[in-house]
Amino acid sequence: MSRQIFGAQMSLRCCGPTFPGRTGRPCWQLYVAQTGLVSEWPTYTWPTSTEIPTVGQRREALTELGFTPAEDAEWEWTEHVGPDYHQHPARVLLLGAVKVRPLEGGAA
């Protein structure tokens, strides 16, 4: 069993995803933070919607990226105020995070 543990995070992108391209509409995006360039991190973007993806949808996205939650890992949620550089008013952002490990054999 792999002992590598990574951090997966997801957030509601207020102005669309950062990858593969902007939509201009809100959507949830999940990525697994790793060494190397951010543009190369495994990333999953749900279709434009402000509804929080369910636990099952998050697990499916992680599986597609080749990861699974680490043993006894639970999603943790935090709030913070959005960056000042956006053209719209500052708003509270919800961020989800969970520890993950690579799937045996890689992505599904």
C-alpha atoms as a PDB file:
ATOM      1  CA  MET A   1       0.000   0.000   0.000  1.00  0.00           C
ATOM      2  CA  SER A   2       1.263   3.472  -0.861  1.00  0.00           C
ATOM      3  CA  ARG A   3       2.379   5.603   2.063  1.00  0.00           C
ATOM      4  CA  GLN A   4       2.339   8.858   0.088  1.00  0.00           C
ATOM      5  CA  ILE A   5      -0.226  11.302   1.450  1.00  0.00           C
ATOM      6  CA  PHE A   6      -1.266  14.448  -0.392  1.00  0.00           C
ATOM      7  CA  GLY A   7      -3.724  17.221   0.316  1.00  0.00           C
ATOM      8  CA  ALA A   8      -6.773  17.581  -1.902  1.00  0.00           C
ATOM      9  CA  GLN A   9      -8.687  20.853  -1.823  1.00  0.00           C
ATOM     10  CA  MET A  10     -11.844  22.055  -3.464  1.00  0.00           C
ATOM     11  CA  SER A  11     -13.417  25.458  -3.694  1.00  0.00           C
ATOM     12  CA  LEU A  12     -16.156  27.306  -5.490  1.00  0.00           C
ATOM     13  CA  ARG A  13     -14.431  29.268  -8.231  1.00  0.00           C
ATOM     14  CA  CYS A  14     -16.443  32.482  -8.347  1.00  0.00           C
ATOM     15  CA  CYS A  15     -15.270  33.485 -11.820  1.00  0.00           C
ATOM     16  CA  GLY A  16     -14.940  30.035 -13.351  1.00  0.00           C
ATOM     17  CA  PRO A  17     -12.180  27.419 -13.218  1.00  0.00           C
ATOM     18  CA  THR A  18      -8.495  28.144 -13.464  1.00  0.00           C
ATOM     19  CA  PHE A  19      -7.941  25.077 -15.655  1.00  0.00           C
ATOM     20  CA  PRO A  20      -8.458  24.139 -18.457  1.00  0.00           C
ATOM     21  CA  GLY A  21     -10.018  27.556 -19.156  1.00  0.00           C
ATOM     22  CA  ARG A  22     -12.258  30.170 -17.640  1.00  0.00           C
ATOM     23  CA  THR A  23     -16.024  29.883 -18.040  1.00  0.00           C
ATOM     24  CA  GLY A  24     -16.911  33.189 -16.410  1.00  0.00           C
ATOM     25  CA  ARG A  25     -19.482  31.355 -14.263  1.00  0.00           C
ATOM     26  CA  PRO A  26     -19.147  29.851 -10.783  1.00  0.00           C
ATOM     27  CA  CYS A  27     -18.135  26.193 -10.518  1.00  0.00           C
ATOM     28  CA  TRP A  28     -16.553  23.828  -7.996  1.00  0.00           C
ATOM     29  CA  GLN A  29     -12.978  22.749  -8.650  1.00  0.00           C
ATOM     30  CA  LEU A  30     -10.945  20.051  -6.873  1.00  0.00           C
ATOM     31  CA  TYR A  31      -7.194  19.612  -7.108  1.00  0.00           C
ATOM     32  CA  VAL A  32      -4.511  17.479  -5.485  1.00  0.00           C
ATOM     33  CA  ALA A  33      -1.547  19.588  -4.341  1.00  0.00           C
ATOM     34  CA  GLN A  34       1.794  18.074  -5.291  1.00  0.00           C
ATOM     35  CA  THR A  35       5.336  19.166  -5.983  1.00  0.00           C
ATOM     36  CA  GLY A  36       5.917  20.838  -9.309  1.00  0.00           C
ATOM     37  CA  LEU A  37       3.930  23.385 -11.263  1.00  0.00           C
ATOM     38  CA  VAL A  38       0.374  24.141 -10.145  1.00  0.00           C
ATOM     39  CA  SER A  39      -0.724  23.826 -13.787  1.00  0.00           C
ATOM     40  CA  GLU A  40       0.359  20.152 -13.657  1.00  0.00           C
ATOM     41  CA  TRP A  41      -1.583  19.207 -10.492  1.00  0.00           C
ATOM     42  CA  PRO A  42      -4.415  16.704 -11.009  1.00  0.00           C
ATOM     43  CA  THR A  43      -7.572  18.847 -11.286  1.00  0.00           C
ATOM     44  CA  TYR A  44     -11.275  18.080 -11.618  1.00  0.00           C
ATOM     45  CA  THR A  45     -13.903  20.715 -12.441  1.00  0.00           C
ATOM     46  CA  TRP A  46     -17.636  20.151 -12.063  1.00  0.00           C
ATOM     47  CA  PRO A  47     -20.028  21.833 -14.518  1.00  0.00           C
ATOM     48  CA  THR A  48     -20.953  25.392 -13.588  1.00  0.00           C
ATOM     49  CA  SER A  49     -23.039  25.329 -10.423  1.00  0.00           C
ATOM     50  CA  THR A  50     -22.884  26.715  -6.911  1.00  0.00           C
ATOM     51  CA  GLU A  51     -24.190  23.483  -5.308  1.00  0.00           C
ATOM     52  CA  ILE A  52     -21.539  21.746  -3.190  1.00  0.00           C
ATOM     53  CA  PRO A  53     -20.639  18.360  -4.737  1.00  0.00           C
ATOM     54  CA  THR A  54     -21.801  15.448  -2.575  1.00  0.00           C
ATOM     55  CA  VAL A  55     -19.375  13.146  -0.769  1.00  0.00           C
ATOM     56  CA  GLY A  56     -20.021  10.539  -3.479  1.00  0.00           C
ATOM     57  CA  GLN A  57     -19.311  13.025  -6.277  1.00  0.00           C
ATOM     58  CA  ARG A  58     -16.099  14.092  -4.541  1.00  0.00           C
ATOM     59  CA  ARG A  59     -15.004  10.452  -4.161  1.00  0.00           C
ATOM     60  CA  GLU A  60     -15.743   9.790  -7.868  1.00  0.00           C
ATOM     61  CA  ALA A  61     -13.711  12.869  -8.875  1.00  0.00           C
ATOM     62  CA  LEU A  62     -10.777  11.757  -6.713  1.00  0.00           C
ATOM     63  CA  THR A  63     -10.964   8.257  -8.230  1.00  0.00           C
ATOM     64  CA  GLU A  64     -10.894   9.759 -11.728  1.00  0.00           C
ATOM     65  CA  LEU A  65      -7.761  11.668 -10.710  1.00  0.00           C
ATOM     66  CA  GLY A  66      -6.166   8.458  -9.346  1.00  0.00           C
ATOM     67  CA  PHE A  67      -6.615   9.129  -5.610  1.00  0.00           C
ATOM     68  CA  THR A  68      -8.722   8.051  -2.673  1.00  0.00           C
ATOM     69  CA  PRO A  69      -9.186   9.578   0.785  1.00  0.00           C
ATOM     70  CA  ALA A  70      -6.476   8.444   3.205  1.00  0.00           C
ATOM     71  CA  GLU A  71      -7.483   6.055   5.970  1.00  0.00           C
ATOM     72  CA  ASP A  72      -9.751   7.792   8.523  1.00  0.00           C
ATOM     73  CA  ALA A  73      -9.563  11.078   6.550  1.00  0.00           C
ATOM     74  CA  GLU A  74     -12.572  13.356   6.698  1.00  0.00           C
ATOM     75  CA  TRP A  75     -13.400  16.492   4.735  1.00  0.00           C
ATOM     76  CA  GLU A  76     -12.607  19.659   6.679  1.00  0.00           C
ATOM     77  CA  TRP A  77     -14.283  22.952   5.787  1.00  0.00           C
ATOM     78  CA  THR A  78     -13.059  26.498   6.322  1.00  0.00           C
ATOM     79  CA  GLU A  79     -14.330  29.922   5.344  1.00  0.00           C
ATOM     80  CA  HIS A  80     -12.370  32.968   4.315  1.00  0.00           C
ATOM     81  CA  VAL A  81     -13.015  36.263   2.575  1.00  0.00           C
ATOM     82  CA  GLY A  82     -12.261  36.320  -1.134  1.00  0.00           C
ATOM     83  CA  PRO A  83      -9.317  38.252  -2.557  1.00  0.00           C
ATOM     84  CA  ASP A  84      -9.522  42.027  -2.913  1.00  0.00           C
ATOM     85  CA  TYR A  85      -8.435  42.006  -6.554  1.00  0.00           C
ATOM     86  CA  HIS A  86     -11.771  40.698  -7.901  1.00  0.00           C
ATOM     87  CA  GLN A  87     -14.045  43.182  -9.626  1.00  0.00           C
ATOM     88  CA  HIS A  88     -17.064  42.085  -7.584  1.00  0.00           C
ATOM     89  CA  PRO A  89     -17.546  42.732  -3.848  1.00  0.00           C
ATOM     90  CA  ALA A  90     -15.618  40.548  -1.398  1.00  0.00           C
ATOM     91  CA  ARG A  91     -17.528  37.466  -0.318  1.00  0.00           C
ATOM     92  CA  VAL A  92     -17.026  34.544   2.024  1.00  0.00           C
ATOM     93  CA  LEU A  93     -15.490  31.523   0.326  1.00  0.00           C
ATOM     94  CA  LEU A  94     -15.928  27.924   1.434  1.00  0.00           C
ATOM     95  CA  LEU A  95     -12.934  25.606   1.082  1.00  0.00           C
ATOM     96  CA  GLY A  96     -12.946  21.846   1.562  1.00  0.00           C
ATOM     97  CA  ALA A  97      -9.833  19.753   2.190  1.00  0.00           C
ATOM     98  CA  VAL A  98      -9.057  16.087   2.737  1.00  0.00           C
ATOM     99  CA  LYS A  99      -5.885  13.999   2.927  1.00  0.00           C
ATOM    100  CA  VAL A 100      -5.608  11.561   0.006  1.00  0.00           C
ATOM    101  CA  ARG A 101      -3.337   8.774  -1.201  1.00  0.00           C
ATOM    102  CA  PRO A 102      -2.725   7.432  -4.706  1.00  0.00           C
ATOM    103  CA  LEU A 103      -4.917   4.543  -5.782  1.00  0.00           C
ATOM    104  CA  GLU A 104      -3.138   1.242  -6.286  1.00  0.00           C
ATOM    105  CA  GLY A 105      -2.636   1.014 -10.050  1.00  0.00           C
ATOM    106  CA  GLY A 106      -3.397   4.716 -10.693  1.00  0.00           C
ATOM    107  CA  ALA A 107      -6.493   6.374 -12.130  1.00  0.00           C
ATOM    108  CA  ALA A 108      -9.628   4.468 -13.023  1.00  0.00           C
END
